[in-house]
């Protein structure tokens, strides 16, 4: 069993893509000239307090996040970045640390790292992404839509892993001529698709509550129009949230990013 007493600095971050990538950046920066096993990354609210270790709270930084993403994509491979992104969607509390130590190996080995299953760090990321992928495929087979007022298709899910960004493109391809919403009630986020157009993610809690609880056709029709009229207003754009929820690799078919 790994001896965590050797760790000297523990980076604490929120459970989102930008925060995890920022923690990777900060941990790597600290480890220059030192051993990478002198650091650990933990999600807020996980792990036990450790004596003789310094704790550092990490705040999401878009520039640091972008640098890590760019380095992975340019210096290793797009495929490796895809696996790292999938790893961040897992619900496992050790995922941030697993991703960091996987990247240590990835920058050493290059694109072939994904086949080095004899390495514990590589194997752990594989376990995380397989766990996410299995749930993704199960949901694709089990999601059912009900027709709401004004013909909008609605589905409510509560996945263990944060797989909404992985399943939405499938239904964008399968149901291009329908207005539909897939609502993750566990995380209070939704994928919203407008027919013959793209799809977007929203975490606007008030808007989601009103959409889900709409009781009349006129109210729902007005609400639907209001949502799409307001989501593109410049002042309401939340680029930080967009980047957290949707890294560049997954934006190709999303109208809001074109």
C-alpha atoms as a PDB file:
ATOM      1  CA  UNK A   1       0.000   0.000   0.000  1.00  0.00           C
ATOM      2  CA  UNK A   2       1.316   3.450  -0.900  1.00  0.00           C
ATOM      3  CA  UNK A   3       2.943   5.353   1.935  1.00  0.00           C
ATOM      4  CA  UNK A   4       1.376   8.814   1.880  1.00  0.00           C
ATOM      5  CA  UNK A   5       3.627   9.979   4.707  1.00  0.00           C
ATOM      6  CA  UNK A   6       6.255  10.789   2.074  1.00  0.00           C
ATOM      7  CA  UNK A   7       4.116  13.528   0.550  1.00  0.00           C
ATOM      8  CA  UNK A   8       5.215  17.068   1.289  1.00  0.00           C
ATOM      9  CA  UNK A   9       2.519  19.144  -0.383  1.00  0.00           C
ATOM     10  CA  UNK A  10      -1.150  18.356  -0.993  1.00  0.00           C
ATOM     11  CA  UNK A  11      -3.124  20.440  -3.486  1.00  0.00           C
ATOM     12  CA  UNK A  12      -6.868  20.746  -2.823  1.00  0.00           C
ATOM     13  CA  UNK A  13      -9.157  21.562  -5.743  1.00  0.00           C
ATOM     14  CA  UNK A  14     -12.827  21.616  -6.694  1.00  0.00           C
ATOM     15  CA  UNK A  15     -14.366  18.782  -8.682  1.00  0.00           C
ATOM     16  CA  UNK A  16     -14.415  20.333 -12.143  1.00  0.00           C
ATOM     17  CA  UNK A  17     -12.209  20.183 -15.211  1.00  0.00           C
ATOM     18  CA  UNK A  18     -10.590  23.619 -14.912  1.00  0.00           C
ATOM     19  CA  UNK A  19      -9.800  23.187 -11.218  1.00  0.00           C
ATOM     20  CA  UNK A  20      -8.244  19.758 -11.717  1.00  0.00           C
ATOM     21  CA  UNK A  21      -6.103  20.988 -14.606  1.00  0.00           C
ATOM     22  CA  UNK A  22      -5.024  23.996 -12.543  1.00  0.00           C
ATOM     23  CA  UNK A  23      -4.043  21.688  -9.692  1.00  0.00           C
ATOM     24  CA  UNK A  24      -2.018  19.601 -12.142  1.00  0.00           C
ATOM     25  CA  UNK A  25      -0.214  22.762 -13.253  1.00  0.00           C
ATOM     26  CA  UNK A  26       0.536  23.889  -9.693  1.00  0.00           C
ATOM     27  CA  UNK A  27       1.619  20.437  -8.541  1.00  0.00           C
ATOM     28  CA  UNK A  28       3.902  20.071 -11.546  1.00  0.00           C
ATOM     29  CA  UNK A  29       5.397  23.499 -10.947  1.00  0.00           C
ATOM     30  CA  UNK A  30       6.113  22.593  -7.321  1.00  0.00           C
ATOM     31  CA  UNK A  31       7.694  19.295  -8.382  1.00  0.00           C
ATOM     32  CA  UNK A  32      10.318  20.853 -10.656  1.00  0.00           C
ATOM     33  CA  UNK A  33      13.658  19.517  -9.493  1.00  0.00           C
ATOM     34  CA  UNK A  34      11.904  17.270  -6.984  1.00  0.00           C
ATOM     35  CA  UNK A  35      10.174  13.923  -7.121  1.00  0.00           C
ATOM     36  CA  UNK A  36       6.598  13.920  -8.358  1.00  0.00           C
ATOM     37  CA  UNK A  37       5.645  11.584  -5.548  1.00  0.00           C
ATOM     38  CA  UNK A  38       6.226  14.446  -3.123  1.00  0.00           C
ATOM     39  CA  UNK A  39       2.847  15.888  -4.091  1.00  0.00           C
ATOM     40  CA  UNK A  40      -0.747  14.730  -4.091  1.00  0.00           C
ATOM     41  CA  UNK A  41      -3.931  16.261  -5.494  1.00  0.00           C
ATOM     42  CA  UNK A  42      -7.190  15.856  -3.601  1.00  0.00           C
ATOM     43  CA  UNK A  43     -10.726  17.012  -4.280  1.00  0.00           C
ATOM     44  CA  UNK A  44     -12.360  19.258  -1.700  1.00  0.00           C
ATOM     45  CA  UNK A  45     -13.972  17.163   1.010  1.00  0.00           C
ATOM     46  CA  UNK A  46     -12.036  13.982   0.285  1.00  0.00           C
ATOM     47  CA  UNK A  47      -9.033  12.436   1.965  1.00  0.00           C
ATOM     48  CA  UNK A  48      -7.903  12.477   5.569  1.00  0.00           C
ATOM     49  CA  UNK A  49      -5.813  15.164   7.199  1.00  0.00           C
ATOM     50  CA  UNK A  50      -2.138  14.315   7.098  1.00  0.00           C
ATOM     51  CA  UNK A  51       0.455  15.533   9.575  1.00  0.00           C
ATOM     52  CA  UNK A  52       3.717  17.010   8.326  1.00  0.00           C
ATOM     53  CA  UNK A  53       2.212  17.944   4.969  1.00  0.00           C
ATOM     54  CA  UNK A  54       1.458  21.403   3.641  1.00  0.00           C
ATOM     55  CA  UNK A  55      -2.012  21.904   2.171  1.00  0.00           C
ATOM     56  CA  UNK A  56      -2.574  24.337  -0.688  1.00  0.00           C
ATOM     57  CA  UNK A  57      -6.026  25.416  -1.878  1.00  0.00           C
ATOM     58  CA  UNK A  58      -6.197  25.679  -5.649  1.00  0.00           C
ATOM     59  CA  UNK A  59      -8.430  28.182  -7.421  1.00  0.00           C
ATOM     60  CA  UNK A  60      -9.359  27.436 -11.024  1.00  0.00           C
ATOM     61  CA  UNK A  61      -7.208  29.469 -13.397  1.00  0.00           C
ATOM     62  CA  UNK A  62      -8.159  29.498 -17.070  1.00  0.00           C
ATOM     63  CA  UNK A  63      -4.652  30.314 -18.274  1.00  0.00           C
ATOM     64  CA  UNK A  64      -3.094  27.457 -16.315  1.00  0.00           C
ATOM     65  CA  UNK A  65      -5.836  25.102 -17.439  1.00  0.00           C
ATOM     66  CA  UNK A  66      -5.289  26.067 -21.076  1.00  0.00           C
ATOM     67  CA  UNK A  67      -1.528  25.535 -20.774  1.00  0.00           C
ATOM     68  CA  UNK A  68      -1.994  22.026 -19.404  1.00  0.00           C
ATOM     69  CA  UNK A  69      -4.538  21.140 -22.095  1.00  0.00           C
ATOM     70  CA  UNK A  70      -2.308  22.554 -24.832  1.00  0.00           C
ATOM     71  CA  UNK A  71       0.715  20.641 -23.546  1.00  0.00           C
ATOM     72  CA  UNK A  72      -1.181  17.347 -23.439  1.00  0.00           C
ATOM     73  CA  UNK A  73      -2.596  17.774 -26.924  1.00  0.00           C
ATOM     74  CA  UNK A  74       0.587  19.041 -28.570  1.00  0.00           C
ATOM     75  CA  UNK A  75       3.281  17.115 -26.715  1.00  0.00           C
ATOM     76  CA  UNK A  76       1.501  13.798 -26.193  1.00  0.00           C
ATOM     77  CA  UNK A  77      -1.648  13.261 -28.255  1.00  0.00           C
ATOM     78  CA  UNK A  78      -5.289  14.158 -28.717  1.00  0.00           C
ATOM     79  CA  UNK A  79      -6.217  10.628 -27.677  1.00  0.00           C
ATOM     80  CA  UNK A  80      -4.425  11.008 -24.355  1.00  0.00           C
ATOM     81  CA  UNK A  81      -6.213  14.303 -23.754  1.00  0.00           C
ATOM     82  CA  UNK A  82      -9.531  12.590 -24.425  1.00  0.00           C
ATOM     83  CA  UNK A  83      -8.758   9.943 -21.828  1.00  0.00           C
ATOM     84  CA  UNK A  84      -7.728  12.569 -19.288  1.00  0.00           C
ATOM     85  CA  UNK A  85     -10.960  14.470 -19.893  1.00  0.00           C
ATOM     86  CA  UNK A  86     -12.996  11.305 -19.417  1.00  0.00           C
ATOM     87  CA  UNK A  87     -11.116  10.680 -16.194  1.00  0.00           C
ATOM     88  CA  UNK A  88     -12.262  14.040 -14.828  1.00  0.00           C
ATOM     89  CA  UNK A  89     -15.883  12.937 -15.319  1.00  0.00           C
ATOM     90  CA  UNK A  90     -15.531  10.025 -12.903  1.00  0.00           C
ATOM     91  CA  UNK A  91     -17.091  10.192  -9.450  1.00  0.00           C
ATOM     92  CA  UNK A  92     -14.072   8.524  -7.828  1.00  0.00           C
ATOM     93  CA  UNK A  93     -12.434  10.722  -5.156  1.00  0.00           C
ATOM     94  CA  UNK A  94      -8.877   9.831  -6.207  1.00  0.00           C
ATOM     95  CA  UNK A  95      -9.322  10.866  -9.841  1.00  0.00           C
ATOM     96  CA  UNK A  96      -7.394  14.155  -9.664  1.00  0.00           C
ATOM     97  CA  UNK A  97      -4.345  12.503  -8.150  1.00  0.00           C
ATOM     98  CA  UNK A  98      -4.645   9.588 -10.574  1.00  0.00           C
ATOM     99  CA  UNK A  99      -4.717  11.982 -13.527  1.00  0.00           C
ATOM    100  CA  UNK A 100      -1.662  13.852 -12.263  1.00  0.00           C
ATOM    101  CA  UNK A 101       0.460  10.731 -11.880  1.00  0.00           C
ATOM    102  CA  UNK A 102      -0.783   9.382 -15.206  1.00  0.00           C
ATOM    103  CA  UNK A 103       0.396  12.599 -16.857  1.00  0.00           C
ATOM    104  CA  UNK A 104       3.804  12.230 -15.225  1.00  0.00           C
ATOM    105  CA  UNK A 105       4.134   8.921 -17.069  1.00  0.00           C
ATOM    106  CA  UNK A 106       2.527  10.260 -20.241  1.00  0.00           C
ATOM    107  CA  UNK A 107       5.017  13.094 -20.641  1.00  0.00           C
ATOM    108  CA  UNK A 108       7.816  10.556 -20.215  1.00  0.00           C
ATOM    109  CA  UNK A 109       6.476   7.910 -22.583  1.00  0.00           C
ATOM    110  CA  UNK A 110       4.490   9.883 -25.134  1.00  0.00           C
ATOM    111  CA  UNK A 111       1.386   8.667 -26.948  1.00  0.00           C
ATOM    112  CA  UNK A 112       2.206   5.013 -26.308  1.00  0.00           C
ATOM    113  CA  UNK A 113       1.534   5.468 -22.603  1.00  0.00           C
ATOM    114  CA  UNK A 114      -2.058   4.297 -23.030  1.00  0.00           C
ATOM    115  CA  UNK A 115      -0.829   0.771 -23.707  1.00  0.00           C
ATOM    116  CA  UNK A 116       1.505   0.586 -20.726  1.00  0.00           C
ATOM    117  CA  UNK A 117      -0.920  -1.297 -18.500  1.00  0.00           C
ATOM    118  CA  UNK A 118       1.893  -2.584 -16.342  1.00  0.00           C
ATOM    119  CA  UNK A 119       2.234   0.900 -14.896  1.00  0.00           C
ATOM    120  CA  UNK A 120      -0.087   1.448 -11.889  1.00  0.00           C
ATOM    121  CA  UNK A 121      -0.769   5.092 -12.816  1.00  0.00           C
ATOM    122  CA  UNK A 122      -1.784   4.149 -16.351  1.00  0.00           C
ATOM    123  CA  UNK A 123      -3.910   1.276 -15.129  1.00  0.00           C
ATOM    124  CA  UNK A 124      -5.729   3.503 -12.652  1.00  0.00           C
ATOM    125  CA  UNK A 125      -6.696   6.019 -15.327  1.00  0.00           C
ATOM    126  CA  UNK A 126      -7.846   3.151 -17.533  1.00  0.00           C
ATOM    127  CA  UNK A 127     -10.081   1.932 -14.695  1.00  0.00           C
ATOM    128  CA  UNK A 128     -11.568   5.412 -14.278  1.00  0.00           C
ATOM    129  CA  UNK A 129     -12.275   5.926 -17.977  1.00  0.00           C
ATOM    130  CA  UNK A 130     -13.677   2.420 -18.387  1.00  0.00           C
ATOM    131  CA  UNK A 131     -16.010   3.109 -15.462  1.00  0.00           C
ATOM    132  CA  UNK A 132     -17.182   6.334 -17.110  1.00  0.00           C
ATOM    133  CA  UNK A 133     -17.467   4.733 -20.545  1.00  0.00           C
ATOM    134  CA  UNK A 134     -19.521   1.817 -19.274  1.00  0.00           C
ATOM    135  CA  UNK A 135     -22.085   4.149 -17.739  1.00  0.00           C
ATOM    136  CA  UNK A 136     -22.136   6.296 -20.860  1.00  0.00           C
ATOM    137  CA  UNK A 137     -22.995   3.302 -23.037  1.00  0.00           C
ATOM    138  CA  UNK A 138     -25.612   2.036 -20.599  1.00  0.00           C
ATOM    139  CA  UNK A 139     -27.360   5.397 -20.573  1.00  0.00           C
ATOM    140  CA  UNK A 140     -27.432   5.554 -24.359  1.00  0.00           C
ATOM    141  CA  UNK A 141     -29.470   2.381 -24.284  1.00  0.00           C
ATOM    142  CA  UNK A 142     -31.787   3.337 -21.450  1.00  0.00           C
ATOM    143  CA  UNK A 143     -32.576   7.031 -21.893  1.00  0.00           C
ATOM    144  CA  UNK A 144     -36.220   7.573 -22.782  1.00  0.00           C
ATOM    145  CA  UNK A 145     -37.827  10.887 -23.677  1.00  0.00           C
ATOM    146  CA  UNK A 146     -41.299  12.075 -22.802  1.00  0.00           C
ATOM    147  CA  UNK A 147     -43.026  14.737 -24.843  1.00  0.00           C
ATOM    148  CA  UNK A 148     -43.729  17.933 -22.931  1.00  0.00           C
ATOM    149  CA  UNK A 149     -45.810  20.927 -23.930  1.00  0.00           C
ATOM    150  CA  UNK A 150     -45.062  22.376 -27.339  1.00  0.00           C
ATOM    151  CA  UNK A 151     -43.512  19.095 -28.481  1.00  0.00           C
ATOM    152  CA  UNK A 152     -40.261  19.379 -26.554  1.00  0.00           C
ATOM    153  CA  UNK A 153     -38.703  16.020 -25.662  1.00  0.00           C
ATOM    154  CA  UNK A 154     -37.502  15.718 -22.076  1.00  0.00           C
ATOM    155  CA  UNK A 155     -35.426  13.123 -20.242  1.00  0.00           C
ATOM    156  CA  UNK A 156     -34.239  13.157 -16.646  1.00  0.00           C
ATOM    157  CA  UNK A 157     -31.120  11.267 -15.595  1.00  0.00           C
ATOM    158  CA  UNK A 158     -29.055  10.933 -12.420  1.00  0.00           C
ATOM    159  CA  UNK A 159     -25.832   9.221 -13.497  1.00  0.00           C
ATOM    160  CA  UNK A 160     -23.129   8.239 -11.053  1.00  0.00           C
ATOM    161  CA  UNK A 161     -20.514   9.875 -13.277  1.00  0.00           C
ATOM    162  CA  UNK A 162     -20.767  13.252 -14.965  1.00  0.00           C
ATOM    163  CA  UNK A 163     -21.435  11.845 -18.440  1.00  0.00           C
ATOM    164  CA  UNK A 164     -23.914  14.381 -19.825  1.00  0.00           C
ATOM    165  CA  UNK A 165     -21.312  15.940 -22.137  1.00  0.00           C
ATOM    166  CA  UNK A 166     -20.591  12.492 -23.555  1.00  0.00           C
ATOM    167  CA  UNK A 167     -24.162  11.421 -24.282  1.00  0.00           C
ATOM    168  CA  UNK A 168     -25.557  14.713 -25.619  1.00  0.00           C
ATOM    169  CA  UNK A 169     -23.704  14.528 -28.983  1.00  0.00           C
ATOM    170  CA  UNK A 170     -25.280  11.107 -29.620  1.00  0.00           C
ATOM    171  CA  UNK A 171     -28.799  12.508 -29.364  1.00  0.00           C
ATOM    172  CA  UNK A 172     -27.809  15.594 -31.325  1.00  0.00           C
ATOM    173  CA  UNK A 173     -27.022  13.209 -34.193  1.00  0.00           C
ATOM    174  CA  UNK A 174     -30.007  10.921 -33.614  1.00  0.00           C
ATOM    175  CA  UNK A 175     -32.635  13.622 -33.047  1.00  0.00           C
ATOM    176  CA  UNK A 176     -31.462  16.617 -35.096  1.00  0.00           C
ATOM    177  CA  UNK A 177     -35.002  17.747 -35.934  1.00  0.00           C
ATOM    178  CA  UNK A 178     -36.307  17.788 -32.367  1.00  0.00           C
ATOM    179  CA  UNK A 179     -36.194  20.224 -29.483  1.00  0.00           C
ATOM    180  CA  UNK A 180     -34.977  18.199 -26.515  1.00  0.00           C
ATOM    181  CA  UNK A 181     -33.614  18.507 -23.006  1.00  0.00           C
ATOM    182  CA  UNK A 182     -31.596  15.970 -21.029  1.00  0.00           C
ATOM    183  CA  UNK A 183     -31.546  17.013 -17.388  1.00  0.00           C
ATOM    184  CA  UNK A 184     -28.992  15.669 -14.898  1.00  0.00           C
ATOM    185  CA  UNK A 185     -30.899  16.088 -11.652  1.00  0.00           C
ATOM    186  CA  UNK A 186     -27.916  15.020  -9.556  1.00  0.00           C
ATOM    187  CA  UNK A 187     -25.708  17.875 -10.776  1.00  0.00           C
ATOM    188  CA  UNK A 188     -28.472  20.323 -11.735  1.00  0.00           C
ATOM    189  CA  UNK A 189     -27.210  20.759 -15.280  1.00  0.00           C
ATOM    190  CA  UNK A 190     -28.940  20.177 -18.592  1.00  0.00           C
ATOM    191  CA  UNK A 191     -28.096  19.639 -22.234  1.00  0.00           C
ATOM    192  CA  UNK A 192     -30.542  21.625 -24.353  1.00  0.00           C
ATOM    193  CA  UNK A 193     -30.895  21.082 -28.090  1.00  0.00           C
ATOM    194  CA  UNK A 194     -32.756  23.271 -30.543  1.00  0.00           C
ATOM    195  CA  UNK A 195     -33.953  21.486 -33.670  1.00  0.00           C
ATOM    196  CA  UNK A 196     -31.745  21.767 -36.733  1.00  0.00           C
ATOM    197  CA  UNK A 197     -29.155  23.499 -34.615  1.00  0.00           C
ATOM    198  CA  UNK A 198     -26.560  22.689 -31.967  1.00  0.00           C
ATOM    199  CA  UNK A 199     -26.788  21.966 -28.269  1.00  0.00           C
ATOM    200  CA  UNK A 200     -25.531  23.708 -25.174  1.00  0.00           C
ATOM    201  CA  UNK A 201     -25.100  23.072 -21.477  1.00  0.00           C
ATOM    202  CA  UNK A 202     -26.699  25.171 -18.786  1.00  0.00           C
ATOM    203  CA  UNK A 203     -26.515  25.173 -15.010  1.00  0.00           C
ATOM    204  CA  UNK A 204     -28.928  28.073 -14.568  1.00  0.00           C
ATOM    205  CA  UNK A 205     -30.800  26.600 -11.595  1.00  0.00           C
ATOM    206  CA  UNK A 206     -33.786  28.952 -11.796  1.00  0.00           C
ATOM    207  CA  UNK A 207     -34.223  28.427 -15.517  1.00  0.00           C
ATOM    208  CA  UNK A 208     -33.952  24.660 -15.162  1.00  0.00           C
ATOM    209  CA  UNK A 209     -36.485  24.596 -12.347  1.00  0.00           C
ATOM    210  CA  UNK A 210     -38.943  26.598 -14.425  1.00  0.00           C
ATOM    211  CA  UNK A 211     -38.413  24.408 -17.481  1.00  0.00           C
ATOM    212  CA  UNK A 212     -38.909  21.185 -15.544  1.00  0.00           C
ATOM    213  CA  UNK A 213     -41.993  22.425 -13.673  1.00  0.00           C
ATOM    214  CA  UNK A 214     -43.712  24.186 -16.589  1.00  0.00           C
ATOM    215  CA  UNK A 215     -47.429  23.379 -16.413  1.00  0.00           C
ATOM    216  CA  UNK A 216     -49.035  25.011 -19.422  1.00  0.00           C
ATOM    217  CA  UNK A 217     -48.262  24.987 -23.109  1.00  0.00           C
ATOM    218  CA  UNK A 218     -48.204  28.790 -23.386  1.00  0.00           C
ATOM    219  CA  UNK A 219     -45.915  29.145 -20.379  1.00  0.00           C
ATOM    220  CA  UNK A 220     -43.570  26.484 -21.708  1.00  0.00           C
ATOM    221  CA  UNK A 221     -43.535  27.994 -25.195  1.00  0.00           C
ATOM    222  CA  UNK A 222     -42.711  31.429 -23.792  1.00  0.00           C
ATOM    223  CA  UNK A 223     -40.081  29.978 -21.487  1.00  0.00           C
ATOM    224  CA  UNK A 224     -38.414  28.062 -24.293  1.00  0.00           C
ATOM    225  CA  UNK A 225     -38.254  31.210 -26.414  1.00  0.00           C
ATOM    226  CA  UNK A 226     -36.925  33.240 -23.485  1.00  0.00           C
ATOM    227  CA  UNK A 227     -34.192  30.722 -22.815  1.00  0.00           C
ATOM    228  CA  UNK A 228     -32.829  30.807 -26.350  1.00  0.00           C
ATOM    229  CA  UNK A 229     -33.236  34.573 -26.578  1.00  0.00           C
ATOM    230  CA  UNK A 230     -31.188  35.118 -23.433  1.00  0.00           C
ATOM    231  CA  UNK A 231     -28.557  32.394 -23.523  1.00  0.00           C
ATOM    232  CA  UNK A 232     -26.602  34.134 -26.285  1.00  0.00           C
ATOM    233  CA  UNK A 233     -26.643  37.645 -24.790  1.00  0.00           C
ATOM    234  CA  UNK A 234     -23.043  38.737 -24.322  1.00  0.00           C
ATOM    235  CA  UNK A 235     -23.451  39.819 -20.696  1.00  0.00           C
ATOM    236  CA  UNK A 236     -24.838  36.404 -19.736  1.00  0.00           C
ATOM    237  CA  UNK A 237     -22.019  34.365 -21.269  1.00  0.00           C
ATOM    238  CA  UNK A 238     -20.033  32.530 -18.629  1.00  0.00           C
ATOM    239  CA  UNK A 239     -16.815  31.548 -20.362  1.00  0.00           C
ATOM    240  CA  UNK A 240     -15.322  30.081 -17.203  1.00  0.00           C
ATOM    241  CA  UNK A 241     -18.245  27.691 -16.794  1.00  0.00           C
ATOM    242  CA  UNK A 242     -18.225  26.866 -20.507  1.00  0.00           C
ATOM    243  CA  UNK A 243     -14.585  25.854 -20.366  1.00  0.00           C
ATOM    244  CA  UNK A 244     -15.080  23.868 -17.181  1.00  0.00           C
ATOM    245  CA  UNK A 245     -17.955  21.884 -18.619  1.00  0.00           C
ATOM    246  CA  UNK A 246     -16.847  21.700 -22.254  1.00  0.00           C
ATOM    247  CA  UNK A 247     -13.139  21.563 -23.161  1.00  0.00           C
ATOM    248  CA  UNK A 248     -12.243  22.430 -26.747  1.00  0.00           C
ATOM    249  CA  UNK A 249     -12.231  18.831 -27.946  1.00  0.00           C
ATOM    250  CA  UNK A 250     -15.995  18.566 -27.344  1.00  0.00           C
ATOM    251  CA  UNK A 251     -17.073  21.906 -28.852  1.00  0.00           C
ATOM    252  CA  UNK A 252     -16.896  21.080 -32.553  1.00  0.00           C
ATOM    253  CA  UNK A 253     -20.634  20.547 -33.075  1.00  0.00           C
ATOM    254  CA  UNK A 254     -21.955  23.005 -30.507  1.00  0.00           C
ATOM    255  CA  UNK A 255     -23.469  26.086 -32.059  1.00  0.00           C
ATOM    256  CA  UNK A 256     -22.623  28.412 -29.144  1.00  0.00           C
ATOM    257  CA  UNK A 257     -18.903  27.984 -29.817  1.00  0.00           C
ATOM    258  CA  UNK A 258     -19.001  28.584 -33.584  1.00  0.00           C
END
